[in-house]
Amino acid sequence: MLHISTGPAHSWEVDFRTADSVTVNGQPFLWDIAPLGGGRYHVLYQDKSYNAELVSADYATKVFVLKINGQRIELQAKDRFDQLLDRLGLSDATAQKVNELKAPMPGLIIDVRVQPGQAVQKGDPLLVLEAMKMENILKAPADGTVASIKVELRANVTKGQVLVQFA
């Protein structure tokens, strides 16, 4: 079960039991989705057609940017563990202890947006990782200073590989 929100005003509880069995706020979500390639999809929902595109996916912060019929939407996803940490007031405390950024998936580094010694704030873009023809902006998990960058531009990386270390 995921909690997905576009901000404080709009949020949903989404449960993906199987590809064909999705519920939103406890109600069946009847849709038809067809991948078109390159992070693009065609969606049919309530007799309406939608063009959807995954613009970026930040798996570390679970922030996803979509374009639905040309309209940009940023989503924040939280699983039950993220929600528990929020309720306990620990989500910010654990983020402060991060001293490195690891690759969330294998891919190709196509942009390096920081340099050693640079101060960054939580959420600042650090690198762009291309995976499965999608650009994923990897952001700072906490405020800090970049100690070193462990990859070069155009480097192929593996899941879990350390990309950036913080001071």
C-alpha atoms as a PDB file:
ATOM      1  CA  MET A   1       0.000   0.000   0.000  1.00  0.00           C
ATOM      2  CA  LEU A   2       1.372   3.402  -0.989  1.00  0.00           C
ATOM      3  CA  HIS A   3       0.336   6.882   0.045  1.00  0.00           C
ATOM      4  CA  ILE A   4       0.676   9.146  -3.008  1.00  0.00           C
ATOM      5  CA  SER A   5       0.303  12.909  -2.857  1.00  0.00           C
ATOM      6  CA  THR A   6       0.699  15.982  -5.022  1.00  0.00           C
ATOM      7  CA  GLY A   7       0.778  18.157  -1.926  1.00  0.00           C
ATOM      8  CA  PRO A   8      -1.264  18.623   1.238  1.00  0.00           C
ATOM      9  CA  ALA A   9      -4.528  19.122  -0.674  1.00  0.00           C
ATOM     10  CA  HIS A  10      -4.437  15.941  -2.789  1.00  0.00           C
ATOM     11  CA  SER A  11      -3.476  12.493  -1.566  1.00  0.00           C
ATOM     12  CA  TRP A  12      -4.532   8.906  -2.189  1.00  0.00           C
ATOM     13  CA  GLU A  13      -4.009   5.467  -0.693  1.00  0.00           C
ATOM     14  CA  VAL A  14      -3.037   3.182  -3.589  1.00  0.00           C
ATOM     15  CA  ASP A  15      -2.710  -0.592  -3.367  1.00  0.00           C
ATOM     16  CA  PHE A  16      -1.121  -2.467  -6.289  1.00  0.00           C
ATOM     17  CA  ARG A  17      -1.964  -6.089  -5.467  1.00  0.00           C
ATOM     18  CA  THR A  18      -1.419  -7.170  -9.065  1.00  0.00           C
ATOM     19  CA  ALA A  19      -1.237  -5.348 -12.382  1.00  0.00           C
ATOM     20  CA  ASP A  20      -4.960  -6.006 -12.851  1.00  0.00           C
ATOM     21  CA  SER A  21      -6.027  -5.367  -9.250  1.00  0.00           C
ATOM     22  CA  VAL A  22      -5.462  -1.768  -8.167  1.00  0.00           C
ATOM     23  CA  THR A  23      -7.463   0.076  -5.513  1.00  0.00           C
ATOM     24  CA  VAL A  24      -7.476   3.805  -4.794  1.00  0.00           C
ATOM     25  CA  ASN A  25      -8.797   4.825  -1.367  1.00  0.00           C
ATOM     26  CA  GLY A  26     -10.176   1.292  -0.989  1.00  0.00           C
ATOM     27  CA  GLN A  27     -12.186   1.393  -4.224  1.00  0.00           C
ATOM     28  CA  PRO A  28     -11.352  -0.632  -7.367  1.00  0.00           C
ATOM     29  CA  PHE A  29      -9.479   1.437  -9.944  1.00  0.00           C
ATOM     30  CA  LEU A  30     -10.540   0.182 -13.350  1.00  0.00           C
ATOM     31  CA  TRP A  31      -8.130   1.280 -16.044  1.00  0.00           C
ATOM     32  CA  ASP A  32      -6.328   0.024 -19.089  1.00  0.00           C
ATOM     33  CA  ILE A  33      -2.685   0.972 -19.523  1.00  0.00           C
ATOM     34  CA  ALA A  34      -0.497   0.257 -22.527  1.00  0.00           C
ATOM     35  CA  PRO A  35       3.236   1.039 -22.609  1.00  0.00           C
ATOM     36  CA  LEU A  36       4.350   2.954 -25.694  1.00  0.00           C
ATOM     37  CA  GLY A  37       8.083   2.855 -24.912  1.00  0.00           C
ATOM     38  CA  GLY A  38      10.496   5.472 -23.654  1.00  0.00           C
ATOM     39  CA  GLY A  39       8.553   6.036 -20.435  1.00  0.00           C
ATOM     40  CA  ARG A  40       5.336   6.861 -22.317  1.00  0.00           C
ATOM     41  CA  TYR A  41       1.979   5.172 -21.767  1.00  0.00           C
ATOM     42  CA  HIS A  42      -1.570   5.286 -23.095  1.00  0.00           C
ATOM     43  CA  VAL A  43      -4.215   5.096 -20.352  1.00  0.00           C
ATOM     44  CA  LEU A  44      -7.966   4.554 -20.626  1.00  0.00           C
ATOM     45  CA  TYR A  45      -9.956   5.487 -17.515  1.00  0.00           C
ATOM     46  CA  GLN A  46     -13.713   6.081 -17.260  1.00  0.00           C
ATOM     47  CA  ASP A  47     -14.071   6.142 -21.059  1.00  0.00           C
ATOM     48  CA  LYS A  48     -11.415   8.868 -21.397  1.00  0.00           C
ATOM     49  CA  SER A  49      -8.030   8.588 -23.072  1.00  0.00           C
ATOM     50  CA  TYR A  50      -4.856   9.926 -21.441  1.00  0.00           C
ATOM     51  CA  ASN A  51      -1.280  10.222 -22.654  1.00  0.00           C
ATOM     52  CA  ALA A  52       1.112   9.712 -19.746  1.00  0.00           C
ATOM     53  CA  GLU A  53       4.874  10.159 -19.661  1.00  0.00           C
ATOM     54  CA  LEU A  54       7.287   9.472 -16.821  1.00  0.00           C
ATOM     55  CA  VAL A  55       9.514  12.557 -16.972  1.00  0.00           C
ATOM     56  CA  SER A  56      11.755  11.729 -14.022  1.00  0.00           C
ATOM     57  CA  ALA A  57      11.936   9.319 -11.123  1.00  0.00           C
ATOM     58  CA  ASP A  58      13.955   9.922  -7.971  1.00  0.00           C
ATOM     59  CA  TYR A  59      13.898   6.570  -6.194  1.00  0.00           C
ATOM     60  CA  ALA A  60      15.883   7.821  -3.194  1.00  0.00           C
ATOM     61  CA  THR A  61      13.259  10.432  -2.258  1.00  0.00           C
ATOM     62  CA  LYS A  62      10.381   8.611  -4.028  1.00  0.00           C
ATOM     63  CA  VAL A  63       9.473  11.687  -6.066  1.00  0.00           C
ATOM     64  CA  PHE A  64       8.121  11.111  -9.561  1.00  0.00           C
ATOM     65  CA  VAL A  65       7.341  13.681 -12.240  1.00  0.00           C
ATOM     66  CA  LEU A  66       4.685  12.764 -14.810  1.00  0.00           C
ATOM     67  CA  LYS A  67       3.112  14.532 -17.738  1.00  0.00           C
ATOM     68  CA  ILE A  68      -0.549  13.652 -18.187  1.00  0.00           C
ATOM     69  CA  ASN A  69      -1.917  15.054 -21.470  1.00  0.00           C
ATOM     70  CA  GLY A  70       0.902  17.616 -21.348  1.00  0.00           C
ATOM     71  CA  GLN A  71       0.249  18.735 -17.760  1.00  0.00           C
ATOM     72  CA  ARG A  72       3.233  18.299 -15.405  1.00  0.00           C
ATOM     73  CA  ILE A  73       2.449  16.553 -12.109  1.00  0.00           C
ATOM     74  CA  GLU A  74       4.926  15.857  -9.301  1.00  0.00           C
ATOM     75  CA  LEU A  75       4.046  12.946  -7.010  1.00  0.00           C
ATOM     76  CA  GLN A  76       5.507  11.905  -3.651  1.00  0.00           C
ATOM     77  CA  ALA A  77       5.086   8.210  -2.781  1.00  0.00           C
ATOM     78  CA  LYS A  78       5.363   6.835   0.752  1.00  0.00           C
ATOM     79  CA  ASP A  79       5.105   3.198   1.753  1.00  0.00           C
ATOM     80  CA  ARG A  80       3.985   2.027   5.189  1.00  0.00           C
ATOM     81  CA  PHE A  81       7.539   2.323   6.573  1.00  0.00           C
ATOM     82  CA  ASP A  82       7.866   5.953   5.408  1.00  0.00           C
ATOM     83  CA  GLN A  83       4.493   6.711   7.013  1.00  0.00           C
ATOM     84  CA  LEU A  84       5.567   5.067  10.269  1.00  0.00           C
ATOM     85  CA  LEU A  85       8.781   7.123  10.334  1.00  0.00           C
ATOM     86  CA  ASP A  86       6.712  10.277   9.705  1.00  0.00           C
ATOM     87  CA  ARG A  87       4.324   9.421  12.566  1.00  0.00           C
ATOM     88  CA  LEU A  88       7.265   8.787  14.902  1.00  0.00           C
ATOM     89  CA  GLY A  89       8.979  11.993  13.806  1.00  0.00           C
ATOM     90  CA  LEU A  90      12.031  10.084  12.605  1.00  0.00           C
ATOM     91  CA  SER A  91      11.964  10.741   8.865  1.00  0.00           C
ATOM     92  CA  ASP A  92      14.073  13.916   9.073  1.00  0.00           C
ATOM     93  CA  ALA A  93      16.381  12.468  11.737  1.00  0.00           C
ATOM     94  CA  THR A  94      17.339   9.481   9.609  1.00  0.00           C
ATOM     95  CA  ALA A  95      17.866  11.610   6.507  1.00  0.00           C
ATOM     96  CA  GLN A  96      20.418  13.741   8.380  1.00  0.00           C
ATOM     97  CA  LYS A  97      22.679  10.706   8.957  1.00  0.00           C
ATOM     98  CA  VAL A  98      23.191   9.916   5.274  1.00  0.00           C
ATOM     99  CA  ASN A  99      26.835  10.316   4.248  1.00  0.00           C
ATOM    100  CA  GLU A 100      26.684   8.948   0.713  1.00  0.00           C
ATOM    101  CA  LEU A 101      24.398   8.686  -2.294  1.00  0.00           C
ATOM    102  CA  LYS A 102      24.140   5.291  -3.972  1.00  0.00           C
ATOM    103  CA  ALA A 103      22.753   4.406  -7.383  1.00  0.00           C
ATOM    104  CA  PRO A 104      19.127   3.251  -7.008  1.00  0.00           C
ATOM    105  CA  MET A 105      19.439   1.195 -10.220  1.00  0.00           C
ATOM    106  CA  PRO A 106      21.986   0.454 -12.946  1.00  0.00           C
ATOM    107  CA  GLY A 107      22.369   3.130 -15.587  1.00  0.00           C
ATOM    108  CA  LEU A 108      24.510   5.779 -17.242  1.00  0.00           C
ATOM    109  CA  ILE A 109      25.571   9.068 -15.597  1.00  0.00           C
ATOM    110  CA  ILE A 110      24.580  11.735 -18.128  1.00  0.00           C
ATOM    111  CA  ASP A 111      25.036  14.873 -15.997  1.00  0.00           C
ATOM    112  CA  VAL A 112      27.025  15.845 -12.901  1.00  0.00           C
ATOM    113  CA  ARG A 113      25.568  18.975 -11.328  1.00  0.00           C
ATOM    114  CA  VAL A 114      27.823  19.400  -8.277  1.00  0.00           C
ATOM    115  CA  GLN A 115      31.504  19.436  -7.438  1.00  0.00           C
ATOM    116  CA  PRO A 116      33.552  18.554  -4.341  1.00  0.00           C
ATOM    117  CA  GLY A 117      33.344  21.207  -1.642  1.00  0.00           C
ATOM    118  CA  GLN A 118      29.944  22.426  -2.790  1.00  0.00           C
ATOM    119  CA  ALA A 119      27.286  22.904  -0.105  1.00  0.00           C
ATOM    120  CA  VAL A 120      23.948  21.294  -0.953  1.00  0.00           C
ATOM    121  CA  GLN A 121      20.514  21.303   0.625  1.00  0.00           C
ATOM    122  CA  LYS A 122      18.147  18.362   0.882  1.00  0.00           C
ATOM    123  CA  GLY A 123      16.503  17.900  -2.522  1.00  0.00           C
ATOM    124  CA  ASP A 124      19.178  19.691  -4.571  1.00  0.00           C
ATOM    125  CA  PRO A 125      19.944  17.846  -7.834  1.00  0.00           C
ATOM    126  CA  LEU A 126      23.345  16.116  -7.748  1.00  0.00           C
ATOM    127  CA  LEU A 127      23.480  13.792 -10.765  1.00  0.00           C
ATOM    128  CA  VAL A 128      21.304  12.634 -13.636  1.00  0.00           C
ATOM    129  CA  LEU A 129      21.158   8.878 -14.159  1.00  0.00           C
ATOM    130  CA  GLU A 130      19.724   7.513 -17.394  1.00  0.00           C
ATOM    131  CA  ALA A 131      18.100   4.118 -16.953  1.00  0.00           C
ATOM    132  CA  MET A 132      15.722   2.384 -19.358  1.00  0.00           C
ATOM    133  CA  LYS A 133      15.673   5.520 -21.559  1.00  0.00           C
ATOM    134  CA  MET A 134      14.428   7.686 -18.656  1.00  0.00           C
ATOM    135  CA  GLU A 135      16.331  10.467 -16.956  1.00  0.00           C
ATOM    136  CA  ASN A 136      16.377  10.162 -13.167  1.00  0.00           C
ATOM    137  CA  ILE A 137      17.511  13.190 -11.206  1.00  0.00           C
ATOM    138  CA  LEU A 138      19.331  12.015  -8.091  1.00  0.00           C
ATOM    139  CA  LYS A 139      18.945  14.580  -5.319  1.00  0.00           C
ATOM    140  CA  ALA A 140      20.712  15.282  -2.043  1.00  0.00           C
ATOM    141  CA  PRO A 141      19.140  13.176   0.719  1.00  0.00           C
ATOM    142  CA  ALA A 142      20.062  15.797   3.357  1.00  0.00           C
ATOM    143  CA  ASP A 143      21.809  19.138   3.824  1.00  0.00           C
ATOM    144  CA  GLY A 144      25.576  18.831   3.648  1.00  0.00           C
ATOM    145  CA  THR A 145      28.775  19.361   1.711  1.00  0.00           C
ATOM    146  CA  VAL A 146      29.912  17.219  -1.205  1.00  0.00           C
ATOM    147  CA  ALA A 147      33.165  15.558  -0.118  1.00  0.00           C
ATOM    148  CA  SER A 148      33.796  13.643  -3.337  1.00  0.00           C
ATOM    149  CA  ILE A 149      32.152  12.452  -6.515  1.00  0.00           C
ATOM    150  CA  LYS A 150      32.905   8.779  -7.094  1.00  0.00           C
ATOM    151  CA  VAL A 151      31.794   8.604 -10.758  1.00  0.00           C
ATOM    152  CA  GLU A 152      32.606  10.424 -13.943  1.00  0.00           C
ATOM    153  CA  LEU A 153      30.333  11.736 -16.656  1.00  0.00           C
ATOM    154  CA  ARG A 154      29.195   8.956 -19.069  1.00  0.00           C
ATOM    155  CA  ALA A 155      30.130   6.244 -16.535  1.00  0.00           C
ATOM    156  CA  ASN A 156      28.024   3.098 -16.345  1.00  0.00           C
ATOM    157  CA  VAL A 157      27.023   2.377 -12.748  1.00  0.00           C
ATOM    158  CA  THR A 158      25.529  -0.607 -10.943  1.00  0.00           C
ATOM    159  CA  LYS A 159      22.717  -0.621  -8.404  1.00  0.00           C
ATOM    160  CA  GLY A 160      24.054   0.265  -4.968  1.00  0.00           C
ATOM    161  CA  GLN A 161      27.283   1.792  -6.271  1.00  0.00           C
ATOM    162  CA  VAL A 162      28.411   4.845  -4.263  1.00  0.00           C
ATOM    163  CA  LEU A 163      28.114   7.925  -6.463  1.00  0.00           C
ATOM    164  CA  VAL A 164      28.647  10.868  -4.080  1.00  0.00           C
ATOM    165  CA  GLN A 165      30.120  11.092  -0.579  1.00  0.00           C
ATOM    166  CA  PHE A 166      29.268  13.881   1.825  1.00  0.00           C
ATOM    167  CA  ALA A 167      31.492  15.535   4.457  1.00  0.00           C
END
